Amino acid sequence: MAALVTGIAMTCVTMTSCTVEDNPVVTPPDIPGGVGQAQVKAIRELTTSEIGWVIAADSKAYPNAAAATDAGTEPLAMVASIKDSKGLAIQLTLSEDINYDAAKEYVESLPKVESAYWNLPSRLDWQDIFVGCAVKGDATEFTNGKMKPIDGFRDKFAATGITWVNRWFWTSDTVGNRAVIVGTNIFATSTQAQTNTEPKSYPYWTRGFLYFGVTQK
């Protein structure tokens, strides 16, 4: 059976023997806590200038995870894409390795956020968040199942104060009893995402995406 990935970030010898290095991608910067009222926004007021901000359990957005925590609320997801009137945020934490059906249940169990909803992301949703965070020179789409580099996403996520963990993640895209998964090789010196298709019964990880609307300006 073909290997999923062999590289510095992931080594998959067989479908049931896949490891990912757990070393930190980038050490999050020291981020001072405490923000003024002007640095707290309603979700509907977010613009592309707030890509990298954190949506919290109080249904507001903060510049980083520490600011949300200092405000007495739980940081949930990083704003990663705003196109037209639609926004996407990626969950800051992740599930344990679970099968596809359990992944859908996991996402449905995430904390409720006003004017937004959680869902299992599609492959194109993953592409949108990489593009939404992109810096000059980053990839603009999956080509032959890969996007490289995705440095902007790495840097935005590190700035939240949360350390990214490289894993294979379930998507909502399915073909029969198989589903597309997205894996990341994100390190300080190199970044890449790739896709594969695996049986729904296999165990992989999950990050929910938060879908929300914004007021066009």
Protein backbone atom coordinates (compact mmCIF):
# COMPACT_ATOMS: atom_id res chain seq x y z
CA MET A 1 0.00 0.00 0.00
CA ALA A 2 1.39 3.38 -0.97
CA ALA A 3 2.85 5.63 1.70
CA LEU A 4 0.98 8.82 2.49
CA VAL A 5 3.96 11.05 3.06
CA THR A 6 7.63 10.50 3.72
CA GLY A 7 9.43 13.59 4.90
CA ILE A 8 10.79 15.48 7.82
CA ALA A 9 7.31 16.25 9.17
CA MET A 10 5.40 13.05 8.48
CA THR A 11 6.44 9.48 7.87
CA CYS A 12 3.75 7.01 6.89
CA VAL A 13 5.04 3.53 6.22
CA THR A 14 1.61 1.92 5.92
CA MET A 15 -1.94 3.12 6.21
CA THR A 16 -1.97 2.15 9.89
CA SER A 17 1.55 3.30 10.74
CA CYS A 18 1.72 7.05 10.35
CA THR A 19 3.68 9.35 12.60
CA VAL A 20 4.02 13.10 12.72
CA GLU A 21 6.75 14.98 14.52
CA ASP A 22 5.42 16.88 17.50
CA ASN A 23 8.22 19.42 17.76
CA PRO A 24 6.94 23.00 17.81
CA VAL A 25 6.60 24.60 14.41
CA VAL A 26 7.39 28.11 15.57
CA THR A 27 7.75 29.30 19.12
CA PRO A 28 4.83 31.68 19.63
CA PRO A 29 5.99 35.23 20.37
CA ASP A 30 5.58 36.81 23.76
CA ILE A 31 2.21 38.50 23.52
CA PRO A 32 1.19 41.03 26.14
CA GLY A 33 -2.25 40.45 27.59
CA GLY A 34 -4.96 43.04 27.95
CA VAL A 35 -6.55 45.01 25.15
CA GLY A 36 -8.65 48.13 24.97
CA GLN A 37 -12.27 48.16 23.88
CA ALA A 38 -11.19 49.34 20.41
CA GLN A 39 -9.29 46.06 19.99
CA VAL A 40 -12.37 43.91 20.51
CA LYS A 41 -14.70 43.44 17.54
CA ALA A 42 -18.04 41.86 16.81
CA ILE A 43 -17.64 39.00 14.36
CA ARG A 44 -19.78 40.72 11.70
CA GLU A 45 -17.40 43.73 11.79
CA LEU A 46 -14.28 41.76 10.89
CA THR A 47 -12.34 42.64 7.73
CA THR A 48 -9.26 41.26 6.04
CA SER A 49 -7.24 43.50 8.36
CA GLU A 50 -8.22 41.15 11.20
CA ILE A 51 -6.96 37.97 9.53
CA GLY A 52 -5.11 36.21 12.35
CA TRP A 53 -7.43 37.50 15.10
CA VAL A 54 -9.06 35.02 17.46
CA ILE A 55 -12.80 34.40 17.82
CA ALA A 56 -13.74 33.55 21.40
CA ALA A 57 -16.60 31.87 23.24
CA ASP A 58 -18.22 35.24 23.95
CA SER A 59 -18.80 35.57 20.19
CA LYS A 60 -16.30 38.43 19.88
CA ALA A 61 -12.92 38.68 18.16
CA TYR A 62 -9.62 39.57 19.84
CA PRO A 63 -6.11 40.26 18.48
CA ASN A 64 -4.72 37.02 19.99
CA ALA A 65 -5.53 34.15 22.34
CA ALA A 66 -4.03 35.87 25.40
CA ALA A 67 -6.28 38.90 24.93
CA ALA A 68 -9.37 36.67 24.86
CA THR A 69 -8.24 34.82 27.97
CA ASP A 70 -7.55 38.09 29.79
CA ALA A 71 -11.09 39.18 28.94
CA GLY A 72 -12.38 36.09 30.74
CA THR A 73 -13.43 34.12 27.69
CA GLU A 74 -12.14 31.01 25.89
CA PRO A 75 -10.22 31.50 22.61
CA LEU A 76 -11.69 29.16 20.01
CA ALA A 77 -10.61 29.81 16.42
CA MET A 78 -8.28 31.94 14.29
CA VAL A 79 -9.82 34.10 11.58
CA ALA A 80 -8.11 32.86 8.41
CA SER A 81 -10.21 33.92 5.42
CA ILE A 82 -12.68 36.70 4.61
CA LYS A 83 -14.06 36.82 1.07
CA ASP A 84 -16.96 39.08 0.17
CA SER A 85 -19.40 38.64 3.08
CA LYS A 86 -18.18 35.24 4.23
CA GLY A 87 -15.52 34.38 6.78
CA LEU A 88 -13.68 31.24 7.88
CA ALA A 89 -11.88 30.60 11.16
CA ILE A 90 -9.91 27.48 12.06
CA GLN A 91 -10.15 25.84 15.48
CA LEU A 92 -7.11 26.53 17.68
CA THR A 93 -7.14 23.07 19.24
CA LEU A 94 -7.71 19.65 17.68
CA SER A 95 -9.38 16.34 18.41
CA GLU A 96 -7.71 13.06 19.19
CA ASP A 97 -7.39 10.64 16.27
CA ILE A 98 -10.94 9.52 15.43
CA ASN A 99 -12.80 8.06 12.47
CA TYR A 100 -14.82 10.10 10.01
CA ASP A 101 -18.22 9.70 11.67
CA ALA A 102 -16.76 10.60 15.07
CA ALA A 103 -15.10 13.65 13.48
CA LYS A 104 -18.50 14.97 12.37
CA GLU A 105 -19.91 14.45 15.87
CA TYR A 106 -16.87 16.16 17.40
CA VAL A 107 -17.36 19.29 15.31
CA GLU A 108 -21.06 19.43 16.20
CA SER A 109 -20.11 19.37 19.91
CA LEU A 110 -17.88 22.47 19.79
CA PRO A 111 -18.96 25.57 21.77
CA LYS A 112 -21.74 27.57 20.16
CA VAL A 113 -20.83 30.97 18.72
CA GLU A 114 -23.49 33.58 17.92
CA SER A 115 -23.98 34.35 14.21
CA ALA A 116 -21.62 31.52 13.25
CA TYR A 117 -21.59 27.73 12.99
CA TRP A 118 -19.02 24.94 13.11
CA ASN A 119 -18.57 22.42 10.34
CA LEU A 120 -16.14 19.86 9.04
CA PRO A 121 -14.21 21.79 6.35
CA SER A 122 -13.90 20.82 2.71
CA ARG A 123 -10.58 20.62 0.90
CA LEU A 124 -11.42 23.95 -0.73
CA ASP A 125 -12.07 25.47 2.70
CA TRP A 126 -8.54 24.49 3.71
CA GLN A 127 -7.26 26.04 0.48
CA ASP A 128 -9.19 29.23 1.25
CA ILE A 129 -7.61 29.65 4.69
CA PHE A 130 -4.11 29.15 3.33
CA VAL A 131 -4.81 31.72 0.61
CA GLY A 132 -6.53 34.05 3.07
CA CYS A 133 -3.37 34.18 5.22
CA ALA A 134 -0.94 34.17 2.31
CA VAL A 135 2.12 36.38 1.97
CA LYS A 136 3.98 37.12 -1.25
CA GLY A 137 5.30 33.92 -2.81
CA ASP A 138 2.80 31.58 -1.12
CA ALA A 139 0.88 28.99 -3.11
CA THR A 140 -2.59 29.98 -4.31
CA GLU A 141 -4.11 26.51 -4.76
CA PHE A 142 -3.53 22.80 -4.37
CA THR A 143 -1.52 21.55 -7.35
CA ASN A 144 -1.14 17.79 -7.71
CA GLY A 145 -2.44 17.50 -4.17
CA LYS A 146 0.04 19.95 -2.62
CA MET A 147 0.27 23.61 -1.57
CA LYS A 148 3.79 24.90 -0.96
CA PRO A 149 4.72 27.22 0.65
CA ILE A 150 2.04 28.39 3.09
CA ASP A 151 4.28 30.63 5.17
CA GLY A 152 1.60 33.25 5.82
CA PHE A 153 -0.62 30.72 7.54
CA ARG A 154 2.27 29.52 9.70
CA ASP A 155 3.08 33.06 10.81
CA LYS A 156 -0.53 34.09 11.48
CA PHE A 157 -1.20 30.98 13.56
CA ALA A 158 2.00 31.42 15.58
CA ALA A 159 0.97 35.01 16.35
CA THR A 160 -2.20 33.75 18.08
CA GLY A 161 0.04 32.41 20.85
CA ILE A 162 -0.94 28.80 20.12
CA THR A 163 1.51 26.23 18.73
CA TRP A 164 0.44 24.47 15.53
CA VAL A 165 0.53 20.65 15.57
CA ASN A 166 1.18 18.80 12.30
CA ARG A 167 -1.40 16.08 11.64
CA TRP A 168 -3.65 14.62 8.96
CA PHE A 169 -7.12 16.20 9.27
CA TRP A 170 -10.49 14.97 8.04
CA THR A 171 -12.39 17.00 5.44
CA SER A 172 -16.06 16.81 4.46
CA ASP A 173 -15.21 15.62 0.93
CA THR A 174 -16.13 11.97 0.43
CA VAL A 175 -16.09 9.36 -2.31
CA GLY A 176 -18.04 6.28 -1.27
CA ASN A 177 -16.56 4.92 1.96
CA ARG A 178 -13.48 7.11 1.69
CA ALA A 179 -12.84 10.76 2.59
CA VAL A 180 -10.23 13.35 1.68
CA ILE A 181 -7.72 14.25 4.38
CA VAL A 182 -5.41 17.28 4.53
CA GLY A 183 -1.98 17.00 6.12
CA THR A 184 0.48 19.71 7.06
CA ASN A 185 4.26 19.93 7.17
CA ILE A 186 4.62 23.31 8.89
CA PHE A 187 7.99 24.25 10.33
CA ALA A 188 10.05 27.38 10.85
CA THR A 189 12.09 26.69 7.71
CA SER A 190 9.48 25.17 5.39
CA THR A 191 5.72 24.86 4.98
CA GLN A 192 3.48 22.60 2.96
CA ALA A 193 -0.01 21.11 2.92
CA GLN A 194 -1.06 18.01 1.01
CA THR A 195 -4.14 15.88 0.44
CA ASN A 196 -4.92 12.19 0.30
CA THR A 197 -7.97 9.93 0.38
CA GLU A 198 -8.48 7.37 3.13
CA PRO A 199 -11.17 4.96 4.38
CA LYS A 200 -13.66 6.62 6.75
CA SER A 201 -12.95 3.92 9.34
CA TYR A 202 -9.30 4.99 9.76
CA PRO A 203 -8.32 7.27 12.67
CA TYR A 204 -7.20 10.82 11.87
CA TRP A 205 -7.46 14.18 13.59
CA THR A 206 -10.03 16.95 13.27
CA ARG A 207 -10.06 20.75 13.41
CA GLY A 208 -13.47 22.33 13.09
CA PHE A 209 -13.93 25.41 10.91
CA LEU A 210 -16.13 28.27 12.07
CA TYR A 211 -18.25 29.81 9.30
CA PHE A 212 -19.54 33.35 9.78
CA GLY A 213 -20.90 36.33 7.91
CA VAL A 214 -19.45 39.85 7.86
CA THR A 215 -20.80 43.23 6.86
CA GLN A 216 -19.27 44.28 3.54
CA LYS A 217 -17.42 47.60 3.61
